[in-house]
C-alpha atoms as a PDB file:
ATOM      1  CA  MET A   1      60.150 -15.582  37.576  1.00  0.00           C
ATOM      2  CA  VAL A   2      56.487 -16.087  37.889  1.00  0.00           C
ATOM      3  CA  SER A   3      54.155 -13.824  36.104  1.00  0.00           C
ATOM      4  CA  SER A   4      51.661 -12.305  38.054  1.00  0.00           C
ATOM      5  CA  ARG A   5      49.383 -11.728  35.719  1.00  0.00           C
ATOM      6  CA  LEU A   6      45.856 -12.892  35.065  1.00  0.00           C
ATOM      7  CA  SER A   7      44.259 -14.224  32.045  1.00  0.00           C
ATOM      8  CA  TRP A   8      40.568 -13.132  31.008  1.00  0.00           C
ATOM      9  CA  GLU A   9      39.713 -16.961  32.201  1.00  0.00           C
ATOM     10  CA  ASP A  10      41.296 -16.021  35.693  1.00  0.00           C
ATOM     11  CA  LEU A  11      39.245 -12.847  35.630  1.00  0.00           C
ATOM     12  CA  GLN A  12      36.262 -14.613  34.967  1.00  0.00           C
ATOM     13  CA  THR A  13      36.910 -17.081  37.603  1.00  0.00           C
ATOM     14  CA  LEU A  14      37.292 -14.276  40.610  1.00  0.00           C
ATOM     15  CA  GLY A  15      34.097 -12.504  39.359  1.00  0.00           C
ATOM     16  CA  ALA A  16      32.304 -15.551  39.215  1.00  0.00           C
ATOM     17  CA  VAL A  17      32.992 -16.835  43.050  1.00  0.00           C
ATOM     18  CA  LEU A  18      32.352 -13.395  43.752  1.00  0.00           C
ATOM     19  CA  GLU A  19      28.988 -13.129  42.644  1.00  0.00           C
ATOM     20  CA  THR A  20      28.118 -16.853  43.617  1.00  0.00           C
ATOM     21  CA  GLY A  21      29.861 -17.209  47.025  1.00  0.00           C
ATOM     22  CA  SER A  22      30.996 -20.400  46.464  1.00  0.00           C
ATOM     23  CA  ALA A  23      33.250 -22.559  43.792  1.00  0.00           C
ATOM     24  CA  SER A  24      29.920 -24.801  42.915  1.00  0.00           C
ATOM     25  CA  GLY A  25      28.110 -21.220  42.068  1.00  0.00           C
ATOM     26  CA  ALA A  26      30.640 -20.442  39.794  1.00  0.00           C
ATOM     27  CA  ALA A  27      31.288 -23.600  38.287  1.00  0.00           C
ATOM     28  CA  GLN A  28      27.624 -23.178  37.310  1.00  0.00           C
ATOM     29  CA  ARG A  29      27.804 -19.705  36.534  1.00  0.00           C
ATOM     30  CA  LEU A  30      30.595 -20.397  33.775  1.00  0.00           C
ATOM     31  CA  GLY A  31      29.292 -24.363  33.057  1.00  0.00           C
ATOM     32  CA  LEU A  32      32.680 -25.924  34.307  1.00  0.00           C
ATOM     33  CA  GLY A  33      33.022 -28.396  36.845  1.00  0.00           C
ATOM     34  CA  GLN A  34      33.770 -27.142  40.603  1.00  0.00           C
ATOM     35  CA  PRO A  35      37.374 -29.068  40.532  1.00  0.00           C
ATOM     36  CA  VAL A  36      38.302 -26.386  37.907  1.00  0.00           C
ATOM     37  CA  ILE A  37      37.290 -23.908  39.819  1.00  0.00           C
ATOM     38  CA  SER A  38      38.655 -24.816  43.063  1.00  0.00           C
ATOM     39  CA  LYS A  39      42.364 -25.263  40.871  1.00  0.00           C
ATOM     40  CA  ARG A  40      42.011 -22.016  39.174  1.00  0.00           C
ATOM     41  CA  ILE A  41      41.657 -20.384  42.717  1.00  0.00           C
ATOM     42  CA  ASP A  42      44.343 -22.121  44.147  1.00  0.00           C
ATOM     43  CA  ALA A  43      46.289 -21.549  41.173  1.00  0.00           C
ATOM     44  CA  ILE A  44      45.476 -17.641  41.121  1.00  0.00           C
ATOM     45  CA  GLU A  45      46.343 -17.234  44.934  1.00  0.00           C
ATOM     46  CA  LYS A  46      49.716 -19.084  44.788  1.00  0.00           C
ATOM     47  CA  ARG A  47      50.638 -16.772  41.410  1.00  0.00           C
ATOM     48  CA  LEU A  48      50.109 -13.557  42.770  1.00  0.00           C
ATOM     49  CA  GLY A  49      51.014 -14.824  46.597  1.00  0.00           C
ATOM     50  CA  LEU A  50      48.040 -13.544  48.763  1.00  0.00           C
ATOM     51  CA  LYS A  51      45.341 -15.084  50.108  1.00  0.00           C
ATOM     52  CA  MET A  52      41.780 -13.965  48.428  1.00  0.00           C
ATOM     53  CA  PHE A  53      39.468 -16.466  50.001  1.00  0.00           C
ATOM     54  CA  ASP A  54      38.428 -17.949  52.993  1.00  0.00           C
ATOM     55  CA  ARG A  55      37.573 -21.873  53.009  1.00  0.00           C
ATOM     56  CA  GLN A  56      34.524 -22.233  54.925  1.00  0.00           C
ATOM     57  CA  ALA A  57      31.518 -24.577  54.807  1.00  0.00           C
ATOM     58  CA  ARG A  58      28.960 -22.721  53.176  1.00  0.00           C
ATOM     59  CA  GLY A  59      31.450 -21.530  50.395  1.00  0.00           C
ATOM     60  CA  LEU A  60      34.247 -19.062  49.811  1.00  0.00           C
ATOM     61  CA  ALA A  61      34.289 -15.951  51.660  1.00  0.00           C
ATOM     62  CA  PRO A  62      36.539 -13.099  50.173  1.00  0.00           C
ATOM     63  CA  ARG A  63      38.439 -11.124  51.788  1.00  0.00           C
ATOM     64  CA  PRO A  64      38.032  -7.409  52.446  1.00  0.00           C
ATOM     65  CA  ASN A  65      41.091  -6.495  49.866  1.00  0.00           C
ATOM     66  CA  VAL A  66      39.024  -8.493  47.284  1.00  0.00           C
ATOM     67  CA  LEU A  67      35.428  -7.819  48.306  1.00  0.00           C
ATOM     68  CA  LYS A  68      35.974  -4.256  47.474  1.00  0.00           C
ATOM     69  CA  LEU A  69      36.428  -4.942  44.028  1.00  0.00           C
ATOM     70  CA  ARG A  70      33.462  -6.457  43.506  1.00  0.00           C
ATOM     71  CA  GLY A  71      31.887  -3.746  41.197  1.00  0.00           C
ATOM     72  CA  GLU A  72      35.087  -3.697  39.276  1.00  0.00           C
ATOM     73  CA  PHE A  73      34.332  -7.451  38.584  1.00  0.00           C
ATOM     74  CA  ALA A  74      30.726  -6.406  37.694  1.00  0.00           C
ATOM     75  CA  ALA A  75      31.875  -3.768  35.284  1.00  0.00           C
ATOM     76  CA  MET A  76      34.169  -5.707  33.624  1.00  0.00           C
ATOM     77  CA  GLY A  77      31.702  -9.025  32.819  1.00  0.00           C
ATOM     78  CA  ALA A  78      29.268  -5.977  31.758  1.00  0.00           C
ATOM     79  CA  ALA A  79      31.673  -4.737  29.435  1.00  0.00           C
ATOM     80  CA  ALA A  80      32.589  -8.069  27.666  1.00  0.00           C
ATOM     81  CA  ASP A  81      29.005  -8.652  27.468  1.00  0.00           C
ATOM     82  CA  GLN A  82      28.408  -5.429  25.646  1.00  0.00           C
ATOM     83  CA  ILE A  83      31.516  -5.795  23.465  1.00  0.00           C
ATOM     84  CA  VAL A  84      30.525  -9.384  22.166  1.00  0.00           C
ATOM     85  CA  ALA A  85      26.704  -8.483  21.782  1.00  0.00           C
ATOM     86  CA  SER A  86      27.840  -5.595  19.420  1.00  0.00           C
ATOM     87  CA  ILE A  87      30.130  -7.581  17.656  1.00  0.00           C
ATOM     88  CA  ILE A  88      27.371 -10.560  17.262  1.00  0.00           C
ATOM     89  CA  GLY A  89      24.789  -7.722  16.390  1.00  0.00           C
ATOM     90  CA  THR A  90      26.872  -6.533  13.635  1.00  0.00           C
ATOM     91  CA  ALA A  91      28.027  -9.945  11.875  1.00  0.00           C
ATOM     92  CA  ILE A  92      24.372 -11.519  12.172  1.00  0.00           C
ATOM     93  CA  GLY A  93      21.987  -8.876  12.726  1.00  0.00           C
ATOM     94  CA  ILE A  94      18.900  -8.935  15.646  1.00  0.00           C
ATOM     95  CA  THR A  95      18.248 -11.890  17.970  1.00  0.00           C
ATOM     96  CA  ASN A  96      14.671 -12.381  19.061  1.00  0.00           C
ATOM     97  CA  LEU A  97      14.535 -12.700  22.669  1.00  0.00           C
ATOM     98  CA  ARG A  98      11.545 -13.627  24.851  1.00  0.00           C
ATOM     99  CA  ILE A  99      11.235 -12.631  28.600  1.00  0.00           C
ATOM    100  CA  SER A 100       8.269 -14.080  30.478  1.00  0.00           C
ATOM    101  CA  VAL A 101       7.826 -12.583  33.845  1.00  0.00           C
ATOM    102  CA  THR A 102       4.966 -12.092  36.179  1.00  0.00           C
ATOM    103  CA  ASP A 103       3.264  -8.557  36.361  1.00  0.00           C
ATOM    104  CA  GLY A 104       3.937  -7.598  39.337  1.00  0.00           C
ATOM    105  CA  PHE A 105       7.831  -8.311  38.499  1.00  0.00           C
ATOM    106  CA  ALA A 106       7.578  -6.702  34.933  1.00  0.00           C
ATOM    107  CA  ASN A 107       6.302  -3.388  36.268  1.00  0.00           C
ATOM    108  CA  TYR A 108       8.229  -2.801  39.550  1.00  0.00           C
ATOM    109  CA  TRP A 109      11.514  -4.621  38.727  1.00  0.00           C
ATOM    110  CA  LEU A 110      12.212  -5.177  35.002  1.00  0.00           C
ATOM    111  CA  GLY A 111      10.986  -2.204  33.866  1.00  0.00           C
ATOM    112  CA  PRO A 112      13.420   0.164  35.823  1.00  0.00           C
ATOM    113  CA  HIS A 113      16.586  -2.347  34.374  1.00  0.00           C
ATOM    114  CA  LEU A 114      15.704  -2.335  31.076  1.00  0.00           C
ATOM    115  CA  SER A 115      18.109  -0.151  30.078  1.00  0.00           C
ATOM    116  CA  ALA A 116      21.172  -2.022  32.032  1.00  0.00           C
ATOM    117  CA  VAL A 117      19.477  -5.192  30.373  1.00  0.00           C
ATOM    118  CA  MET A 118      19.727  -4.298  26.978  1.00  0.00           C
ATOM    119  CA  ALA A 119      23.246  -2.728  27.184  1.00  0.00           C
ATOM    120  CA  ARG A 120      24.361  -6.036  27.977  1.00  0.00           C
ATOM    121  CA  VAL A 121      22.501  -7.482  25.213  1.00  0.00           C
ATOM    122  CA  ALA A 122      22.736  -5.136  22.111  1.00  0.00           C
ATOM    123  CA  GLY A 123      22.633  -7.980  19.671  1.00  0.00           C
ATOM    124  CA  ALA A 124      19.017  -8.721  20.812  1.00  0.00           C
ATOM    125  CA  GLN A 125      15.548  -7.638  20.536  1.00  0.00           C
ATOM    126  CA  LEU A 126      13.821  -8.035  23.842  1.00  0.00           C
ATOM    127  CA  LEU A 127      10.196  -8.851  23.822  1.00  0.00           C
ATOM    128  CA  LEU A 128       8.685  -9.025  27.132  1.00  0.00           C
ATOM    129  CA  ALA A 129       5.952 -11.115  28.168  1.00  0.00           C
ATOM    130  CA  PRO A 130       3.809 -10.852  31.700  1.00  0.00           C
ATOM    131  CA  ARG A 131       2.241 -13.745  32.472  1.00  0.00           C
ATOM    132  CA  ARG A 132      -0.308 -14.214  35.567  1.00  0.00           C
ATOM    133  CA  GLY A 133       0.596 -18.241  36.182  1.00  0.00           C
ATOM    134  CA  ALA A 134       3.208 -20.678  35.877  1.00  0.00           C
ATOM    135  CA  VAL A 135       5.296 -20.387  32.539  1.00  0.00           C
ATOM    136  CA  GLU A 136       4.309 -23.474  30.158  1.00  0.00           C
ATOM    137  CA  ASP A 137       7.811 -25.662  29.026  1.00  0.00           C
ATOM    138  CA  GLY A 138       6.588 -25.420  25.300  1.00  0.00           C
ATOM    139  CA  TRP A 139       6.804 -21.616  25.403  1.00  0.00           C
ATOM    140  CA  LEU A 140      10.418 -21.607  26.293  1.00  0.00           C
ATOM    141  CA  THR A 141      11.493 -24.762  23.843  1.00  0.00           C
ATOM    142  CA  SER A 142       9.730 -23.276  20.641  1.00  0.00           C
ATOM    143  CA  GLN A 143      11.887 -20.058  20.762  1.00  0.00           C
ATOM    144  CA  PRO A 144      14.592 -18.453  22.488  1.00  0.00           C
ATOM    145  CA  GLY A 145      14.380 -16.592  25.504  1.00  0.00           C
ATOM    146  CA  VAL A 146      14.379 -16.792  29.527  1.00  0.00           C
ATOM    147  CA  ALA A 147      11.688 -16.825  32.315  1.00  0.00           C
ATOM    148  CA  VAL A 148      11.753 -15.556  35.887  1.00  0.00           C
ATOM    149  CA  VAL A 149      10.119 -18.934  37.959  1.00  0.00           C
ATOM    150  CA  PHE A 150       9.945 -19.384  41.266  1.00  0.00           C
ATOM    151  CA  ALA A 151      10.261 -23.150  41.173  1.00  0.00           C
ATOM    152  CA  PRO A 152      13.046 -25.177  39.153  1.00  0.00           C
ATOM    153  CA  PRO A 153      11.598 -26.548  36.136  1.00  0.00           C
ATOM    154  CA  ARG A 154      11.439 -30.521  35.828  1.00  0.00           C
ATOM    155  CA  SER A 155      11.943 -31.035  32.593  1.00  0.00           C
ATOM    156  CA  VAL A 156      15.381 -32.136  31.376  1.00  0.00           C
ATOM    157  CA  GLU A 157      15.176 -29.891  28.207  1.00  0.00           C
ATOM    158  CA  LEU A 158      15.316 -26.654  30.145  1.00  0.00           C
ATOM    159  CA  ASN A 159      17.948 -25.137  32.180  1.00  0.00           C
ATOM    160  CA  ALA A 160      17.862 -23.393  35.393  1.00  0.00           C
ATOM    161  CA  ARG A 161      19.925 -21.092  37.534  1.00  0.00           C
ATOM    162  CA  LYS A 162      18.848 -19.891  40.837  1.00  0.00           C
ATOM    163  CA  LEU A 163      19.263 -16.445  41.574  1.00  0.00           C
ATOM    164  CA  GLY A 164      18.636 -16.288  45.025  1.00  0.00           C
ATOM    165  CA  GLU A 165      15.506 -15.630  47.494  1.00  0.00           C
ATOM    166  CA  ALA A 166      13.479 -12.227  47.797  1.00  0.00           C
ATOM    167  CA  SER A 167      11.313 -11.358  50.781  1.00  0.00           C
ATOM    168  CA  PHE A 168       7.538 -10.927  50.447  1.00  0.00           C
ATOM    169  CA  CYS A 169       5.643  -8.846  53.384  1.00  0.00           C
ATOM    170  CA  LEU A 170       2.311  -7.426  53.545  1.00  0.00           C
ATOM    171  CA  VAL A 171       1.408  -3.393  52.328  1.00  0.00           C
ATOM    172  CA  ALA A 172      -1.324  -0.966  53.555  1.00  0.00           C
ATOM    173  CA  SER A 173      -1.636   2.784  53.057  1.00  0.00           C
ATOM    174  CA  ARG A 174      -1.113   5.019  56.155  1.00  0.00           C
ATOM    175  CA  GLU A 175      -4.771   5.998  56.013  1.00  0.00           C
ATOM    176  CA  LEU A 176      -5.989   1.808  56.907  1.00  0.00           C
ATOM    177  CA  ILE A 177      -3.253   1.568  59.351  1.00  0.00           C
ATOM    178  CA  ALA A 178      -4.568   4.714  61.415  1.00  0.00           C
ATOM    179  CA  ARG A 179      -8.202   3.639  60.816  1.00  0.00           C
ATOM    180  CA  LEU A 180      -7.527  -0.575  61.573  1.00  0.00           C
ATOM    181  CA  GLY A 181      -4.326  -0.264  63.479  1.00  0.00           C
ATOM    182  CA  THR A 182      -1.588  -2.804  62.539  1.00  0.00           C
ATOM    183  CA  PRO A 183      -1.783  -6.812  62.057  1.00  0.00           C
ATOM    184  CA  LYS A 184       1.240  -8.125  64.209  1.00  0.00           C
ATOM    185  CA  ARG A 185       0.523 -11.758  63.535  1.00  0.00           C
ATOM    186  CA  TRP A 186      -1.071 -13.842  60.969  1.00  0.00           C
ATOM    187  CA  GLU A 187      -3.809 -14.910  62.832  1.00  0.00           C
ATOM    188  CA  ASP A 188      -4.796 -10.867  62.671  1.00  0.00           C
ATOM    189  CA  LEU A 189      -5.562 -10.686  59.218  1.00  0.00           C
ATOM    190  CA  PRO A 190      -8.566 -12.007  58.823  1.00  0.00           C
ATOM    191  CA  ARG A 191     -10.341  -8.960  60.596  1.00  0.00           C
ATOM    192  CA  PHE A 192      -8.390  -6.376  58.065  1.00  0.00           C
ATOM    193  CA  PRO A 193      -9.902  -6.144  54.451  1.00  0.00           C
ATOM    194  CA  LEU A 194      -7.442  -8.001  52.436  1.00  0.00           C
ATOM    195  CA  LEU A 195      -6.814  -7.469  48.403  1.00  0.00           C
ATOM    196  CA  GLU A 196      -5.885 -10.399  46.389  1.00  0.00           C
ATOM    197  CA  GLN A 197      -3.991 -10.851  43.487  1.00  0.00           C
ATOM    198  CA  THR A 198      -5.327 -13.745  41.162  1.00  0.00           C
ATOM    199  CA  THR A 199      -2.001 -14.834  40.768  1.00  0.00           C
ATOM    200  CA  SER A 200       0.219 -17.556  42.758  1.00  0.00           C
ATOM    201  CA  VAL A 201       4.133 -18.120  43.960  1.00  0.00           C
ATOM    202  CA  GLY A 202       3.829 -21.625  45.570  1.00  0.00           C
ATOM    203  CA  GLU A 203       4.642 -21.948  49.019  1.00  0.00           C
ATOM    204  CA  VAL A 204       5.521 -18.564  49.697  1.00  0.00           C
ATOM    205  CA  PHE A 205       1.728 -17.724  49.054  1.00  0.00           C
ATOM    206  CA  ALA A 206       0.293 -20.277  51.460  1.00  0.00           C
ATOM    207  CA  ARG A 207      -0.144 -18.551  54.781  1.00  0.00           C
ATOM    208  CA  TRP A 208      -1.540 -15.366  52.840  1.00  0.00           C
ATOM    209  CA  ASN A 209      -4.083 -17.894  50.953  1.00  0.00           C
ATOM    210  CA  ASP A 210      -4.998 -19.411  54.145  1.00  0.00           C
ATOM    211  CA  ALA A 211      -6.033 -15.955  55.399  1.00  0.00           C
ATOM    212  CA  LEU A 212      -7.925 -15.042  52.104  1.00  0.00           C
ATOM    213  CA  GLN A 213     -10.251 -18.090  53.430  1.00  0.00           C
ATOM    214  CA  THR A 214     -11.745 -16.327  56.167  1.00  0.00           C
ATOM    215  CA  ALA A 215     -11.275 -12.648  55.464  1.00  0.00           C
ATOM    216  CA  ARG A 216     -13.248  -9.733  53.528  1.00  0.00           C
ATOM    217  CA  VAL A 217     -12.004  -9.721  50.128  1.00  0.00           C
ATOM    218  CA  PRO A 218     -13.471  -6.268  48.711  1.00  0.00           C
ATOM    219  CA  LEU A 219     -11.332  -6.535  45.336  1.00  0.00           C
ATOM    220  CA  ARG A 220      -9.496  -8.921  43.200  1.00  0.00           C
ATOM    221  CA  ALA A 221      -7.152  -7.942  40.430  1.00  0.00           C
ATOM    222  CA  GLU A 222      -5.350  -9.863  37.687  1.00  0.00           C
ATOM    223  CA  HIS A 223      -2.710  -7.039  37.396  1.00  0.00           C
ATOM    224  CA  THR A 224      -0.415  -4.913  39.910  1.00  0.00           C
ATOM    225  CA  MET A 225      -1.262  -1.378  38.781  1.00  0.00           C
ATOM    226  CA  PRO A 226      -4.990  -1.696  39.946  1.00  0.00           C
ATOM    227  CA  LEU A 227      -4.188  -3.430  43.433  1.00  0.00           C
ATOM    228  CA  VAL A 228      -1.592  -0.700  44.015  1.00  0.00           C
ATOM    229  CA  GLN A 229      -4.137   2.117  43.316  1.00  0.00           C
ATOM    230  CA  ALA A 230      -6.550   0.532  45.457  1.00  0.00           C
ATOM    231  CA  VAL A 231      -4.029  -0.019  48.446  1.00  0.00           C
ATOM    232  CA  LYS A 232      -2.968   3.532  48.072  1.00  0.00           C
ATOM    233  CA  ALA A 233      -7.219   4.234  48.242  1.00  0.00           C
ATOM    234  CA  GLY A 234      -6.747   2.429  51.736  1.00  0.00           C
ATOM    235  CA  LEU A 235      -9.270  -0.130  50.849  1.00  0.00           C
ATOM    236  CA  GLY A 236      -7.249  -3.016  52.081  1.00  0.00           C
ATOM    237  CA  ILE A 237      -4.029  -4.733  52.625  1.00  0.00           C
ATOM    238  CA  THR A 238      -2.180  -6.565  50.171  1.00  0.00           C
ATOM    239  CA  TYR A 239       1.283  -9.040  50.056  1.00  0.00           C
ATOM    240  CA  TRP A 240       3.810  -9.012  47.296  1.00  0.00           C
ATOM    241  CA  PRO A 241       7.580  -9.092  47.174  1.00  0.00           C
ATOM    242  CA  SER A 242       9.454  -6.464  49.323  1.00  0.00           C
ATOM    243  CA  TYR A 243      11.508  -4.873  46.753  1.00  0.00           C
ATOM    244  CA  MET A 244       8.590  -3.099  45.354  1.00  0.00           C
ATOM    245  CA  MET A 245       8.582  -1.003  48.283  1.00  0.00           C
ATOM    246  CA  ARG A 246      11.415   0.835  46.954  1.00  0.00           C
ATOM    247  CA  ILE A 247       8.956   2.257  44.434  1.00  0.00           C
ATOM    248  CA  GLU A 248       5.825   2.572  46.519  1.00  0.00           C
ATOM    249  CA  ARG A 249       7.736   4.481  49.495  1.00  0.00           C
ATOM    250  CA  GLU A 250       4.314   6.191  50.337  1.00  0.00           C
ATOM    251  CA  LEU A 251       2.848   2.572  51.479  1.00  0.00           C
ATOM    252  CA  ILE A 252       3.467   1.037  54.872  1.00  0.00           C
ATOM    253  CA  LYS A 253       5.450  -2.354  54.949  1.00  0.00           C
ATOM    254  CA  ILE A 254       4.289  -4.676  57.487  1.00  0.00           C
ATOM    255  CA  ASP A 255       6.893  -7.685  58.654  1.00  0.00           C
ATOM    256  CA  LEU A 256       5.069 -10.601  60.508  1.00  0.00           C
ATOM    257  CA  PRO A 257       6.794 -13.266  61.727  1.00  0.00           C
ATOM    258  CA  ASP A 258       7.373 -16.236  59.776  1.00  0.00           C
ATOM    259  CA  THR A 259       6.799 -14.832  56.613  1.00  0.00           C
ATOM    260  CA  PRO A 260       8.285 -17.263  53.763  1.00  0.00           C
ATOM    261  CA  ARG A 261      10.641 -16.494  51.410  1.00  0.00           C
ATOM    262  CA  ALA A 262      10.550 -17.198  47.582  1.00  0.00           C
ATOM    263  CA  GLU A 263      13.321 -18.610  45.571  1.00  0.00           C
ATOM    264  CA  ILE A 264      13.803 -17.569  42.523  1.00  0.00           C
ATOM    265  CA  TYR A 265      15.129 -19.113  39.320  1.00  0.00           C
ATOM    266  CA  LEU A 266      15.810 -18.213  35.660  1.00  0.00           C
ATOM    267  CA  THR A 267      15.147 -21.039  33.376  1.00  0.00           C
ATOM    268  CA  TRP A 268      15.700 -21.477  29.471  1.00  0.00           C
ATOM    269  CA  ALA A 269      15.957 -23.996  26.943  1.00  0.00           C
ATOM    270  CA  ARG A 270      18.738 -26.002  26.550  1.00  0.00           C
ATOM    271  CA  ALA A 271      18.237 -25.911  22.837  1.00  0.00           C
ATOM    272  CA  PHE A 272      19.299 -22.530  22.710  1.00  0.00           C
ATOM    273  CA  ASP A 273      22.548 -23.200  25.200  1.00  0.00           C
ATOM    274  CA  ASP A 274      24.813 -22.278  22.416  1.00  0.00           C
ATOM    275  CA  LEU A 275      23.013 -18.867  21.359  1.00  0.00           C
ATOM    276  CA  PRO A 276      25.409 -15.816  22.548  1.00  0.00           C
ATOM    277  CA  ALA A 277      22.758 -13.210  23.376  1.00  0.00           C
ATOM    278  CA  LEU A 278      20.940 -15.575  25.263  1.00  0.00           C
ATOM    279  CA  ARG A 279      23.740 -15.831  27.393  1.00  0.00           C
ATOM    280  CA  GLN A 280      24.374 -12.251  27.903  1.00  0.00           C
ATOM    281  CA  LEU A 281      20.288 -11.921  28.786  1.00  0.00           C
ATOM    282  CA  VAL A 282      21.106 -14.741  31.544  1.00  0.00           C
ATOM    283  CA  ASN A 283      24.185 -13.343  32.898  1.00  0.00           C
ATOM    284  CA  ALA A 284      22.407  -9.573  32.781  1.00  0.00           C
ATOM    285  CA  LEU A 285      19.888 -10.642  34.653  1.00  0.00           C
ATOM    286  CA  THR A 286      21.712 -12.486  37.206  1.00  0.00           C
ATOM    287  CA  ASP A 287      24.160  -9.519  37.750  1.00  0.00           C
ATOM    288  CA  LEU A 288      21.066  -7.516  38.139  1.00  0.00           C
ATOM    289  CA  PHE A 289      19.172  -9.836  40.848  1.00  0.00           C
ATOM    290  CA  LEU A 290      22.059 -10.054  42.863  1.00  0.00           C
ATOM    291  CA  ALA A 291      22.592  -6.139  43.245  1.00  0.00           C
ATOM    292  CA  GLU A 292      19.296  -5.307  43.592  1.00  0.00           C
ATOM    293  CA  ILE A 293      16.784  -7.620  44.548  1.00  0.00           C
ATOM    294  CA  GLN A 294      18.469  -9.473  47.763  1.00  0.00           C
ATOM    295  CA  ALA A 295      19.583  -5.866  49.200  1.00  0.00           C
ATOM    296  CA  PRO A 296      17.209  -4.893  51.966  1.00  0.00           C
ATOM    297  CA  ALA A 297      14.202  -2.921  50.991  1.00  0.00           C
ATOM    298  CA  PRO A 298      13.433   0.340  52.617  1.00  0.00           C
END
């Protein structure tokens, strides 16, 4: 009689496929080849005597009986990371890890999730390093850590994991909308006061930057919080990731046609691949991103 019990590797494989939606994504997540993942899934289905995924052109679509277990698989991975992190912390002491993020990402996404991240990397001490522009390759290769970036790195010394995409939107106060109306097209923006944060996220900012060239810009801010206060005061409209609306609920979200989306990546130095605490940090940020940022904003 063939045993229906699944090994830890089997469970890891199922969890990775559920998170990423494809054998190739799971392979990248687990550091294996795609054929290995495909063979594991086939073997698991054969052993259990049931079909768990539908093979589609865009990946592996979990059937309802598997999809409803996504939360359990995520909890399993989190518990495993926490156990390993505790063992490492006890055995070799604290590992220092740096996290480089944009100012807005630090305030509006990472900050509220820090307790969940730290629980997954109990054997590490985290240093948050908000930044304005692109992260320097040397920053990542000099000490262990990760950076949240909007384009894959070009250096062969760096790894990258694509987390997914984040949508962007225009934001204004109710008072400003009542006074000036709501822009319906990108071409309408120059007649509104625009508030600029002096940062750039590649092509996702292209149409916004074009509007800034001909509009009145009463305020430019290096940091997110003063910009938010200016928007709340009705001084103008700004442009930011939609996930920020989960916190700033009193503001109005304005979606314009053809608003681009930003690809978001985690990147870290290959030299630190063998550091368990770094792997746990990458996995923790990946899991939280998939659960939160890609969910629809209110």
